[in-house]
Amino acid sequence: MEDLSSGCEIVDTFDINTEINEDEINVEKIMEKIRENIRKQKGAGIFPEKIHGDLQQGSLLEVTPGESNIQRDLDYINSNWDIQNNSYFISSHRPFVGKFLVRGRDLVHGEIRRYVDPVFWKQTEFNGSTVRLLNDTAGKFIYYNNKIEQLQSEMDSKIEQLQSEMDSKIEHLRPELGNKIERLRSEFENQIEQLKSEIDDSIKAEVNSIISLMNLDIENKAWLASVLDGKIEKGYKNKKTGTPDPGDLDINYFRFEEQFRGSREDIKQRQSCFMNYFLGCSNVLDIGCGRGEFLELASEHGIGAKGVDIDDTMVDFCLSKGLNVVKQEAISYLESVDDKSLDGIFIDQVVEHLEPDYLIKLLKLCFQKLKYGYYIFAETVNPLSFVSFANFYIDMTHKKPIHPETLKFLLTSAGFRDVDTMFFSPVSEKARLQKVPINNDMEEWVKNYLDIYNHNLEKLNGILYGAQDYAVIGKK
C-alpha cells in the first residue's frame, strides 16, 4: 500500500511524547487522542486519494455529463470504501530513548488493533459489498438508459420514415380519391334524377288512379241516377209475396250496401281468401251476387262463374260491368239447371235474408245440383258476437240471425260432408276491452288475481267483440 499522508509521520501528529509517559501507557487516552486527530483531519479535508482495485466490478464508472453529481458520489465511495490504514510507520526523533519509545508504541498499537481491527474489517467488508452493488446498479442503469436512448432514436427514425411514406401514399392516392369522389357525385346525381323521374311517374300514376276512381264513381252514380229516374217514371212493380225481395221495402239496396256493408274494393279484398275453394272450376253459381264482387274475382282467377239476384238495380249494375248475371229467384233458377252440373256454389250474406223453410229447400237443391267433390260456401253474420248481433238489424231486409251450429247442421242434413266453420272480420284491438298489465314487482296474490281477471276479460271480449262474420263450408 502506498503512503497516503504525503510524508507526514503519524507519530508527530499525535505528539505522544508530550502526552504519554515512557514508563506508563494509557490506552484509553491514546484512543481518545486518535479519535480527536481523525476529527481534525476530516475537518481539514485530508482524505486518502488512492483507489483500491476494482472490488470485483467495483471500479470507476463512466456516467453521462448530466449526471455529474452521481459520478462524483461514485468516485468518492470507490476511493474510500476501505477504511483500514496500513501505510503508516512508528518512529521517533529522539536519539537515545527513541528505540524504547518505538517499542512501547508498537505494543500500544498492537493492543489497540486487537480491538479495532475486527470492527474495521467488518466495516470494510460491508463497504465493499455496498460499493459493488452500487456499481452494478449504476452499470445497469447506464446500460438500460443507453438502450432506451437507442430505441428512442430508432423509433424517431421509423416515425419519420412512416410519416414520409404516409405523406407519399396520400399524395399518390389523392388523384384516385378525387376521381372516385367525382364518379360517386356523378352517380349520385344520376340516381337523384332517376328518383325524380320515378317519383314523378308514381305521382302521375297515383293521380291517374284517383281520377279513374272518381270517374268510375261518377259513372256509377250517373248509372244509379238513371235507374232511379227509370223507376220513378214507370213506378214500382208489385213483387211476389213471400220472396226475399228488398224491393218490397221500397229502398235502393245498392246504395244501402255502399253505405253500410262497405265499398266493392273492401268486399273483394275480404272475399279473396275464399277463392281457393273454387280454383279450376268452370261453372260456379253465385247466389245473391249483389254488386258482383265475387264474379269479378272469379274472372280474375280464371274461374267460370254466373250470378243470380232478384234486385233490378244490382242486376243492371253487374250487367253494366260485363258480368254474367240473370235476374231470377234462387230456387227457381236451381230447379232450371241440370243435376250435378255445378262445380261450386257461393252464398255471401244471403241466408240471413231467408225464411227457414226457404233456406232448407235452397240447401237441398244446392246439394242436388252440385257435382261430387266440389264445395258450397255460405257466409253470414256471426250472432255469437254481440257487436255483430247489435248491427244485424241495421239491414231491415234481414229476417233472423243463424247460429253457426244451426247452419252447420242444415248443410250436414242436406247431405254435405266434411262440414267446417270459419270465423273472420275481427273487431279492431283498440275497440276491445284492454287487459291489465302484470309485472314482476307485484305481489304473488295480486298477480294471480289479475291473471284470473284478464282471463275472464278475454272470454268477455270473445262474447262482446268476437269475429263479425262466419262461413260454413261443405263438400259433396
Protein backbone atom coordinates (compact mmCIF):
# COMPACT_ATOMS: atom_id res chain seq x y z
CA MET A 1 0.00 0.00 0.00
CA GLU A 2 1.28 3.48 -0.83
CA ASP A 3 1.81 6.25 1.67
CA LEU A 4 -1.36 8.38 1.92
CA SER A 5 -0.01 11.06 4.28
CA SER A 6 2.45 12.89 1.92
CA GLY A 7 5.48 12.03 4.13
CA CYS A 8 3.97 13.15 7.44
CA GLU A 9 4.59 10.82 10.32
CA ILE A 10 1.51 10.00 12.35
CA VAL A 11 3.64 9.91 15.46
CA ASP A 12 4.34 13.60 15.09
CA THR A 13 0.63 14.32 14.64
CA PHE A 14 -0.27 12.51 17.83
CA ASP A 15 2.68 14.05 19.69
CA ILE A 16 2.73 11.03 22.01
CA ASN A 17 5.98 12.23 23.64
CA THR A 18 4.21 15.06 25.30
CA GLU A 19 1.06 13.14 26.26
CA ILE A 20 2.29 9.66 27.30
CA ASN A 21 4.88 8.67 29.86
CA GLU A 22 7.61 6.35 28.78
CA ASP A 23 7.00 4.32 31.93
CA GLU A 24 3.18 4.07 31.60
CA ILE A 25 0.98 3.59 28.57
CA ASN A 26 -2.69 4.69 28.90
CA VAL A 27 -4.62 3.03 26.04
CA GLU A 28 -7.83 4.98 26.64
CA LYS A 29 -6.02 8.29 26.38
CA ILE A 30 -4.31 7.14 23.21
CA MET A 31 -7.67 6.11 21.66
CA GLU A 32 -9.25 9.41 22.61
CA LYS A 33 -6.30 11.18 21.05
CA ILE A 34 -6.67 9.14 17.85
CA ARG A 35 -10.37 9.99 17.60
CA GLU A 36 -9.67 13.66 18.08
CA ASN A 37 -6.95 13.51 15.43
CA ILE A 38 -9.35 11.84 12.95
CA ARG A 39 -11.95 14.52 13.58
CA LYS A 40 -9.37 17.21 12.92
CA GLN A 41 -8.25 15.53 9.69
CA LYS A 42 -11.86 15.28 8.45
CA GLY A 43 -12.41 18.91 9.34
CA ALA A 44 -9.28 19.89 7.42
CA GLY A 45 -10.38 17.85 4.34
CA ILE A 46 -7.47 15.39 4.45
CA PHE A 47 -8.63 12.07 2.86
CA PRO A 48 -6.76 9.30 1.07
CA GLU A 49 -6.76 9.62 -2.74
CA LYS A 50 -5.81 6.15 -3.94
CA ILE A 51 -8.23 3.57 -5.39
CA HIS A 52 -8.04 0.01 -4.07
CA GLY A 53 -8.62 -2.26 -7.10
CA ASP A 54 -11.78 -2.94 -8.96
CA LEU A 55 -13.56 -4.55 -5.93
CA GLN A 56 -14.98 -7.26 -8.18
CA GLN A 57 -16.58 -4.89 -10.73
CA GLY A 58 -16.29 -2.05 -8.22
CA SER A 59 -14.16 0.17 -10.48
CA LEU A 60 -14.96 3.69 -11.53
CA LEU A 61 -17.88 4.01 -13.96
CA GLU A 62 -18.42 6.46 -16.76
CA VAL A 63 -21.57 8.48 -16.32
CA THR A 64 -23.25 10.85 -18.71
CA PRO A 65 -22.38 14.54 -18.32
CA GLY A 66 -25.84 15.31 -17.00
CA GLU A 67 -25.16 13.05 -14.02
CA SER A 68 -22.07 14.77 -12.58
CA ASN A 69 -23.34 14.56 -9.01
CA ILE A 70 -23.82 10.80 -9.33
CA GLN A 71 -20.32 10.46 -10.85
CA ARG A 72 -18.77 12.42 -8.01
CA ASP A 73 -20.51 10.28 -5.41
CA LEU A 74 -19.44 7.09 -7.16
CA ASP A 75 -15.83 8.34 -7.35
CA TYR A 76 -15.89 9.09 -3.67
CA ILE A 77 -17.28 5.74 -2.49
CA ASN A 78 -14.94 3.85 -4.88
CA SER A 79 -11.96 5.74 -3.39
CA ASN A 80 -12.89 5.45 0.29
CA TRP A 81 -14.65 2.15 0.77
CA ASP A 82 -11.53 0.62 2.54
CA ILE A 83 -11.24 2.32 5.92
CA GLN A 84 -8.13 0.35 7.03
CA ASN A 85 -4.84 2.31 7.13
CA ASN A 86 -1.63 0.22 6.96
CA SER A 87 0.51 2.89 5.35
CA TYR A 88 1.99 4.49 8.45
CA PHE A 89 5.15 3.53 10.47
CA ILE A 90 6.20 4.28 14.02
CA SER A 91 9.46 6.22 14.58
CA SER A 92 10.97 8.69 16.98
CA HIS A 93 13.34 11.63 16.54
CA ARG A 94 14.82 11.15 20.00
CA PRO A 95 18.31 9.75 19.68
CA PHE A 96 18.63 7.89 22.98
CA VAL A 97 15.20 6.82 24.13
CA GLY A 98 13.69 6.63 20.69
CA LYS A 99 14.01 2.89 20.30
CA PHE A 100 12.26 2.36 23.63
CA LEU A 101 9.51 4.72 22.66
CA VAL A 102 9.06 2.97 19.31
CA ARG A 103 8.90 -0.37 21.05
CA GLY A 104 6.32 0.89 23.51
CA ARG A 105 4.26 2.42 20.84
CA ASP A 106 4.33 -0.83 18.86
CA LEU A 107 2.94 -2.58 21.92
CA VAL A 108 0.17 0.04 22.26
CA HIS A 109 -0.60 -0.17 18.55
CA GLY A 110 -0.85 -3.93 18.70
CA GLU A 111 -3.11 -3.79 21.71
CA ILE A 112 -5.39 -1.26 20.02
CA ARG A 113 -5.55 -3.21 16.79
CA ARG A 114 -6.69 -6.30 18.71
CA TYR A 115 -9.92 -4.44 19.49
CA VAL A 116 -10.27 -2.18 16.45
CA ASP A 117 -9.26 -4.41 13.53
CA PRO A 118 -12.35 -6.72 13.68
CA VAL A 119 -14.62 -3.67 13.55
CA PHE A 120 -12.62 -2.16 10.70
CA TRP A 121 -12.61 -5.46 8.86
CA LYS A 122 -16.40 -5.89 9.09
CA GLN A 123 -16.97 -2.29 8.09
CA THR A 124 -14.60 -2.68 5.17
CA GLU A 125 -16.39 -5.85 4.01
CA PHE A 126 -19.77 -4.11 4.29
CA ASN A 127 -18.46 -1.08 2.41
CA GLY A 128 -17.02 -3.30 -0.31
CA SER A 129 -20.31 -5.17 -0.78
CA THR A 130 -22.27 -1.91 -0.85
CA VAL A 131 -19.90 -0.38 -3.41
CA ARG A 132 -20.15 -3.46 -5.62
CA LEU A 133 -23.95 -3.34 -5.52
CA LEU A 134 -24.00 0.37 -6.24
CA ASN A 135 -21.56 -0.02 -9.14
CA ASP A 136 -23.59 -2.91 -10.53
CA THR A 137 -26.85 -0.94 -10.23
CA ALA A 138 -25.28 2.13 -11.76
CA GLY A 139 -23.91 0.00 -14.61
CA LYS A 140 -27.33 -1.50 -15.31
CA PHE A 141 -28.91 1.92 -15.11
CA ILE A 142 -26.44 3.29 -17.65
CA TYR A 143 -26.88 0.22 -19.86
CA TYR A 144 -30.67 0.44 -19.94
CA ASN A 145 -30.58 4.20 -20.23
CA ASN A 146 -28.39 3.81 -23.31
CA LYS A 147 -30.78 1.16 -24.64
CA ILE A 148 -33.75 3.48 -24.12
CA GLU A 149 -31.95 6.30 -25.90
CA GLN A 150 -31.06 3.92 -28.72
CA LEU A 151 -34.68 2.69 -29.02
CA GLN A 152 -35.95 6.27 -28.84
CA SER A 153 -33.62 7.18 -31.68
CA GLU A 154 -34.76 4.16 -33.71
CA MET A 155 -38.43 4.97 -33.04
CA ASP A 156 -37.96 8.58 -34.05
CA SER A 157 -36.25 7.40 -37.23
CA LYS A 158 -39.04 4.92 -38.02
CA ILE A 159 -41.75 7.50 -37.25
CA GLU A 160 -40.12 9.93 -39.62
CA GLN A 161 -39.87 7.18 -42.23
CA LEU A 162 -43.53 6.18 -41.77
CA GLN A 163 -44.62 9.81 -41.88
CA SER A 164 -42.74 10.23 -45.11
CA GLU A 165 -44.29 7.06 -46.56
CA MET A 166 -47.78 8.10 -45.45
CA ASP A 167 -47.37 11.54 -47.00
CA SER A 168 -46.16 9.90 -50.19
CA LYS A 169 -49.10 7.46 -50.29
CA ILE A 170 -51.59 10.22 -49.53
CA GLU A 171 -50.21 12.27 -52.37
CA HIS A 172 -50.31 9.19 -54.58
CA LEU A 173 -53.94 8.38 -53.63
CA ARG A 174 -55.20 11.95 -53.76
CA PRO A 175 -55.91 11.95 -57.53
CA GLU A 176 -57.52 8.50 -57.32
CA LEU A 177 -59.75 9.57 -54.42
CA GLY A 178 -60.64 12.73 -56.26
CA ASN A 179 -61.69 10.68 -59.29
CA LYS A 180 -63.77 8.34 -57.13
CA ILE A 181 -65.48 11.27 -55.42
CA GLU A 182 -66.30 12.80 -58.79
CA ARG A 183 -67.60 9.46 -60.05
CA LEU A 184 -69.74 8.95 -56.93
CA ARG A 185 -71.04 12.50 -57.20
CA SER A 186 -72.00 11.84 -60.81
CA GLU A 187 -73.70 8.54 -59.90
CA PHE A 188 -75.49 10.21 -57.01
CA GLU A 189 -76.76 12.98 -59.26
CA ASN A 190 -77.90 10.42 -61.85
CA GLN A 191 -79.74 8.44 -59.15
CA ILE A 192 -81.39 11.63 -57.91
CA GLU A 193 -82.56 12.39 -61.45
CA GLN A 194 -83.80 8.81 -61.81
CA LEU A 195 -85.63 9.00 -58.48
CA LYS A 196 -87.18 12.30 -59.50
CA SER A 197 -88.40 10.68 -62.69
CA GLU A 198 -89.75 7.65 -60.78
CA ILE A 199 -91.43 9.91 -58.22
CA ASP A 200 -92.99 11.95 -61.00
CA ASP A 201 -94.23 8.77 -62.67
CA SER A 202 -95.54 7.45 -59.33
CA ILE A 203 -97.35 10.71 -58.65
CA LYS A 204 -98.82 10.72 -62.13
CA ALA A 205 -99.94 7.09 -61.74
CA GLU A 206 -101.49 7.86 -58.35
CA VAL A 207 -103.24 10.92 -59.72
CA ASN A 208 -104.50 8.94 -62.72
CA SER A 209 -105.70 6.20 -60.36
CA ILE A 210 -107.59 8.72 -58.23
CA ILE A 211 -109.05 10.32 -61.34
CA SER A 212 -110.04 6.88 -62.64
CA LEU A 213 -111.75 6.03 -59.35
CA MET A 214 -113.51 9.37 -59.36
CA ASN A 215 -114.66 8.78 -62.93
CA LEU A 216 -115.83 5.30 -62.00
CA ASP A 217 -117.72 6.69 -59.03
CA ILE A 218 -119.26 9.36 -61.20
CA GLU A 219 -120.26 6.74 -63.76
CA ASN A 220 -121.77 4.53 -61.05
CA LYS A 221 -123.72 7.42 -59.59
CA ALA A 222 -124.85 8.53 -63.04
CA TRP A 223 -125.94 5.00 -63.79
CA LEU A 224 -127.74 4.79 -60.44
CA ALA A 225 -129.45 8.12 -61.11
CA SER A 226 -130.66 6.84 -64.47
CA VAL A 227 -132.01 3.69 -62.79
CA LEU A 228 -133.83 5.77 -60.20
CA ASP A 229 -135.23 8.04 -62.89
CA GLY A 230 -136.49 4.99 -64.75
CA LYS A 231 -138.19 3.65 -61.63
CA ILE A 232 -139.79 6.98 -60.93
CA GLU A 233 -141.15 7.16 -64.45
CA LYS A 234 -142.66 3.67 -64.64
CA GLY A 235 -143.42 3.22 -60.90
CA TYR A 236 -142.59 0.31 -58.68
CA LYS A 237 -143.78 -3.10 -59.75
CA ASN A 238 -145.53 -5.36 -57.28
CA LYS A 239 -143.28 -8.17 -56.04
CA LYS A 240 -144.35 -11.69 -55.36
CA THR A 241 -145.33 -12.07 -51.69
CA GLY A 242 -143.07 -14.37 -49.63
CA THR A 243 -139.95 -13.90 -51.74
CA PRO A 244 -136.91 -12.23 -50.13
CA ASP A 245 -137.04 -9.17 -52.40
CA PRO A 246 -135.73 -5.97 -50.78
CA GLY A 247 -137.73 -4.03 -53.33
CA ASP A 248 -140.80 -4.75 -51.19
CA LEU A 249 -139.44 -2.22 -48.71
CA ASP A 250 -139.11 0.43 -51.38
CA ILE A 251 -135.41 1.04 -50.69
CA ASN A 252 -132.41 1.18 -53.02
CA TYR A 253 -130.33 -1.77 -51.81
CA PHE A 254 -127.35 -0.77 -53.95
CA ARG A 255 -126.95 2.49 -52.06
CA PHE A 256 -127.65 0.71 -48.78
CA GLU A 257 -124.74 -1.71 -49.30
CA GLU A 258 -122.44 1.13 -50.35
CA GLN A 259 -123.11 2.88 -47.05
CA PHE A 260 -123.33 0.04 -44.53
CA ARG A 261 -121.56 -3.01 -45.97
CA GLY A 262 -118.53 -1.30 -47.47
CA SER A 263 -117.07 -0.43 -50.85
CA ARG A 264 -116.75 -3.03 -53.61
CA GLU A 265 -112.95 -2.98 -53.18
CA ASP A 266 -113.29 -3.76 -49.47
CA ILE A 267 -115.63 -6.66 -50.18
CA LYS A 268 -113.34 -8.02 -52.93
CA GLN A 269 -110.40 -7.87 -50.53
CA ARG A 270 -112.40 -9.80 -47.92
CA GLN A 271 -113.64 -12.43 -50.40
CA SER A 272 -110.24 -13.03 -51.99
CA CYS A 273 -109.32 -15.57 -49.29
CA PHE A 274 -112.30 -17.77 -50.35
CA MET A 275 -111.15 -18.28 -53.93
CA ASN A 276 -109.04 -21.36 -53.14
CA TYR A 277 -112.23 -23.43 -52.84
CA PHE A 278 -113.12 -22.72 -56.48
CA LEU A 279 -109.79 -22.74 -58.33
CA GLY A 280 -110.01 -24.66 -61.59
CA CYS A 281 -113.83 -24.57 -61.63
CA SER A 282 -115.81 -23.56 -64.72
CA ASN A 283 -119.43 -23.40 -63.56
CA VAL A 284 -119.71 -21.73 -60.14
CA LEU A 285 -123.03 -20.20 -59.11
CA ASP A 286 -123.07 -17.01 -57.00
CA ILE A 287 -126.49 -16.89 -55.30
CA GLY A 288 -127.40 -13.29 -54.37
CA CYS A 289 -124.47 -11.89 -56.30
CA GLY A 290 -125.28 -8.24 -55.35
CA ARG A 291 -122.75 -5.83 -56.86
CA GLY A 292 -120.75 -8.68 -58.42
CA GLU A 293 -117.56 -8.57 -56.32
CA PHE A 294 -117.18 -12.38 -56.28
CA LEU A 295 -117.87 -12.63 -60.02
CA GLU A 296 -115.09 -10.13 -60.74
CA LEU A 297 -112.66 -12.05 -58.51
CA ALA A 298 -113.60 -15.32 -60.22
CA SER A 299 -112.89 -13.77 -63.61
CA GLU A 300 -109.50 -12.50 -62.38
CA HIS A 301 -108.63 -16.05 -61.20
CA GLY A 302 -109.78 -17.76 -64.41
CA ILE A 303 -112.86 -19.27 -62.75
CA GLY A 304 -116.08 -19.60 -64.76
CA ALA A 305 -118.93 -18.13 -62.64
CA LYS A 306 -122.53 -16.93 -63.03
CA GLY A 307 -124.65 -14.84 -60.66
CA VAL A 308 -128.36 -14.68 -59.83
CA ASP A 309 -130.14 -11.89 -57.96
CA ILE A 310 -133.69 -10.55 -57.68
CA ASP A 311 -132.76 -6.88 -57.28
CA ASP A 312 -133.11 -4.94 -60.54
CA THR A 313 -130.53 -2.36 -59.58
CA MET A 314 -127.91 -4.96 -58.65
CA VAL A 315 -128.51 -6.96 -61.82
CA ASP A 316 -128.34 -3.86 -64.03
CA PHE A 317 -125.09 -2.78 -62.34
CA CYS A 318 -123.47 -6.21 -62.86
CA LEU A 319 -124.55 -6.27 -66.50
CA SER A 320 -123.05 -2.82 -66.95
CA LYS A 321 -119.74 -4.34 -65.76
CA GLY A 322 -119.99 -7.13 -68.32
CA LEU A 323 -120.63 -9.82 -65.70
CA ASN A 324 -122.72 -12.96 -66.37
CA VAL A 325 -125.80 -12.28 -64.20
CA VAL A 326 -129.51 -13.11 -64.51
CA LYS A 327 -132.45 -11.66 -62.59
CA GLN A 328 -134.15 -14.69 -61.12
CA GLU A 329 -135.18 -16.06 -57.77
CA ALA A 330 -132.64 -18.60 -56.48
CA ILE A 331 -134.84 -21.71 -56.09
CA SER A 332 -136.47 -21.30 -59.48
CA TYR A 333 -133.06 -20.90 -61.08
CA LEU A 334 -131.65 -24.01 -59.39
CA GLU A 335 -134.69 -26.01 -60.48
CA SER A 336 -133.93 -25.00 -64.06
CA VAL A 337 -130.36 -26.33 -64.17
CA ASP A 338 -129.28 -29.95 -64.54
CA ASP A 339 -128.42 -32.06 -61.54
CA LYS A 340 -124.67 -32.39 -60.78
CA SER A 341 -123.89 -29.61 -63.26
CA LEU A 342 -122.38 -27.03 -60.88
CA ASP A 343 -118.77 -27.28 -59.63
CA GLY A 344 -119.17 -24.65 -56.91
CA ILE A 345 -121.82 -22.62 -55.07
CA PHE A 346 -121.11 -19.32 -53.30
CA ILE A 347 -123.70 -17.72 -50.97
CA ASP A 348 -122.44 -14.50 -49.35
CA GLN A 349 -124.58 -12.54 -46.84
CA VAL A 350 -127.81 -14.12 -48.13
CA VAL A 351 -129.04 -16.81 -45.70
CA GLU A 352 -129.92 -14.21 -43.04
CA HIS A 353 -132.45 -12.74 -45.52
CA LEU A 354 -134.34 -16.07 -45.92
CA GLU A 355 -137.17 -17.75 -44.07
CA PRO A 356 -136.22 -21.12 -42.51
CA ASP A 357 -138.30 -23.27 -44.90
CA TYR A 358 -136.95 -21.40 -47.91
CA LEU A 359 -133.35 -21.85 -46.66
CA ILE A 360 -133.79 -25.59 -46.08
CA LYS A 361 -135.21 -26.10 -49.58
CA LEU A 362 -132.42 -23.96 -51.08
CA LEU A 363 -129.66 -26.03 -49.44
CA LYS A 364 -131.21 -29.32 -50.58
CA LEU A 365 -131.34 -28.05 -54.16
CA CYS A 366 -127.69 -26.91 -53.88
CA PHE A 367 -126.64 -30.42 -52.91
CA GLN A 368 -128.70 -31.88 -55.77
CA LYS A 369 -127.18 -29.60 -58.42
CA LEU A 370 -123.54 -29.74 -57.21
CA LYS A 371 -121.02 -32.21 -58.62
CA TYR A 372 -119.36 -34.71 -56.29
CA GLY A 373 -116.11 -33.49 -54.70
CA TYR A 374 -116.94 -29.78 -55.00
CA TYR A 375 -117.75 -27.13 -52.38
CA ILE A 376 -120.58 -24.97 -51.15
CA PHE A 377 -119.52 -21.82 -49.29
CA ALA A 378 -122.17 -19.99 -47.20
CA GLU A 379 -121.11 -16.81 -45.34
CA THR A 380 -123.29 -14.76 -42.96
CA VAL A 381 -123.36 -12.55 -39.86
CA ASN A 382 -121.95 -14.07 -36.63
CA PRO A 383 -124.60 -13.82 -33.89
CA LEU A 384 -122.13 -15.09 -31.26
CA SER A 385 -120.51 -11.64 -31.31
CA PHE A 386 -122.58 -9.03 -29.51
CA VAL A 387 -121.27 -6.15 -31.62
CA SER A 388 -122.16 -8.06 -34.77
CA PHE A 389 -125.57 -9.03 -33.40
CA ALA A 390 -126.25 -5.40 -32.43
CA ASN A 391 -125.57 -4.29 -36.01
CA PHE A 392 -127.64 -7.11 -37.51
CA TYR A 393 -130.89 -5.15 -37.65
CA ILE A 394 -129.42 -2.14 -39.40
CA ASP A 395 -130.46 -4.01 -42.53
CA MET A 396 -134.29 -4.11 -42.49
CA THR A 397 -134.35 -6.97 -45.01
CA HIS A 398 -132.65 -9.31 -42.50
CA LYS A 399 -135.04 -11.97 -41.26
CA LYS A 400 -133.13 -13.53 -38.38
CA PRO A 401 -129.51 -14.37 -37.49
CA ILE A 402 -128.47 -18.02 -37.82
CA HIS A 403 -126.28 -19.70 -35.22
CA PRO A 404 -123.11 -21.27 -36.69
CA GLU A 405 -124.05 -24.69 -35.35
CA THR A 406 -127.53 -24.39 -36.89
CA LEU A 407 -126.17 -23.59 -40.35
CA LYS A 408 -123.62 -26.36 -39.98
CA PHE A 409 -126.41 -28.78 -39.06
CA LEU A 410 -128.51 -27.71 -42.06
CA LEU A 411 -125.66 -28.39 -44.50
CA THR A 412 -124.99 -31.76 -42.91
CA SER A 413 -128.68 -32.62 -43.08
CA ALA A 414 -128.76 -31.66 -46.76
CA GLY A 415 -126.06 -34.29 -47.39
CA PHE A 416 -122.81 -32.32 -47.38
CA ARG A 417 -119.71 -33.84 -45.74
CA ASP A 418 -116.53 -32.50 -44.18
CA VAL A 419 -118.54 -29.50 -42.97
CA ASP A 420 -116.36 -26.89 -41.33
CA THR A 421 -116.78 -23.39 -39.86
CA MET A 422 -114.53 -20.37 -40.45
CA PHE A 423 -114.67 -17.11 -38.47
CA PHE A 424 -113.28 -13.81 -39.82
CA SER A 425 -113.71 -9.99 -39.88
CA PRO A 426 -112.32 -9.43 -36.33
CA VAL A 427 -113.03 -6.30 -34.34
CA SER A 428 -110.02 -3.98 -34.06
CA GLU A 429 -107.88 -4.40 -30.95
CA LYS A 430 -108.49 -0.81 -29.90
CA ALA A 431 -112.24 -1.46 -29.73
CA ARG A 432 -111.80 -4.49 -27.44
CA LEU A 433 -111.56 -4.41 -23.64
CA GLN A 434 -107.95 -3.95 -22.59
CA LYS A 435 -106.12 -6.32 -20.24
CA VAL A 436 -104.41 -5.15 -17.07
CA PRO A 437 -100.62 -5.44 -17.43
CA ILE A 438 -98.81 -7.70 -14.91
CA ASN A 439 -95.21 -7.04 -13.87
CA ASN A 440 -92.72 -8.88 -11.66
CA ASP A 441 -92.77 -6.25 -8.91
CA MET A 442 -96.33 -7.17 -7.93
CA GLU A 443 -97.08 -9.47 -5.03
CA GLU A 444 -97.99 -13.05 -5.94
CA TRP A 445 -101.61 -12.81 -4.88
CA VAL A 446 -102.05 -9.66 -6.97
CA LYS A 447 -100.57 -11.45 -10.00
CA ASN A 448 -102.95 -14.39 -9.52
CA TYR A 449 -105.91 -12.04 -9.15
CA LEU A 450 -105.02 -10.08 -12.29
CA ASP A 451 -104.36 -13.27 -14.23
CA ILE A 452 -107.87 -14.52 -13.46
CA TYR A 453 -109.27 -11.07 -14.27
CA ASN A 454 -107.51 -10.94 -17.66
CA HIS A 455 -108.61 -14.49 -18.46
CA ASN A 456 -112.24 -13.59 -17.78
CA LEU A 457 -111.78 -10.38 -19.75
CA GLU A 458 -110.62 -12.40 -22.76
CA LYS A 459 -113.75 -14.51 -22.53
CA LEU A 460 -115.87 -11.39 -22.34
CA ASN A 461 -114.09 -9.94 -25.35
CA GLY A 462 -114.96 -13.09 -27.29
CA ILE A 463 -118.62 -12.60 -26.48
CA LEU A 464 -118.82 -8.83 -26.96
CA TYR A 465 -116.22 -8.28 -29.70
CA GLY A 466 -115.83 -11.64 -31.43
CA ALA A 467 -115.49 -12.19 -35.18
CA GLN A 468 -118.23 -10.29 -37.03
CA ASP A 469 -118.80 -12.90 -39.74
CA TYR A 470 -118.51 -16.63 -40.22
CA ALA A 471 -118.79 -19.13 -43.04
CA VAL A 472 -119.77 -22.79 -43.21
CA ILE A 473 -118.07 -24.84 -45.92
CA GLY A 474 -119.37 -28.22 -47.06
CA LYS A 475 -118.20 -30.73 -49.64
CA LYS A 476 -120.42 -33.04 -51.70
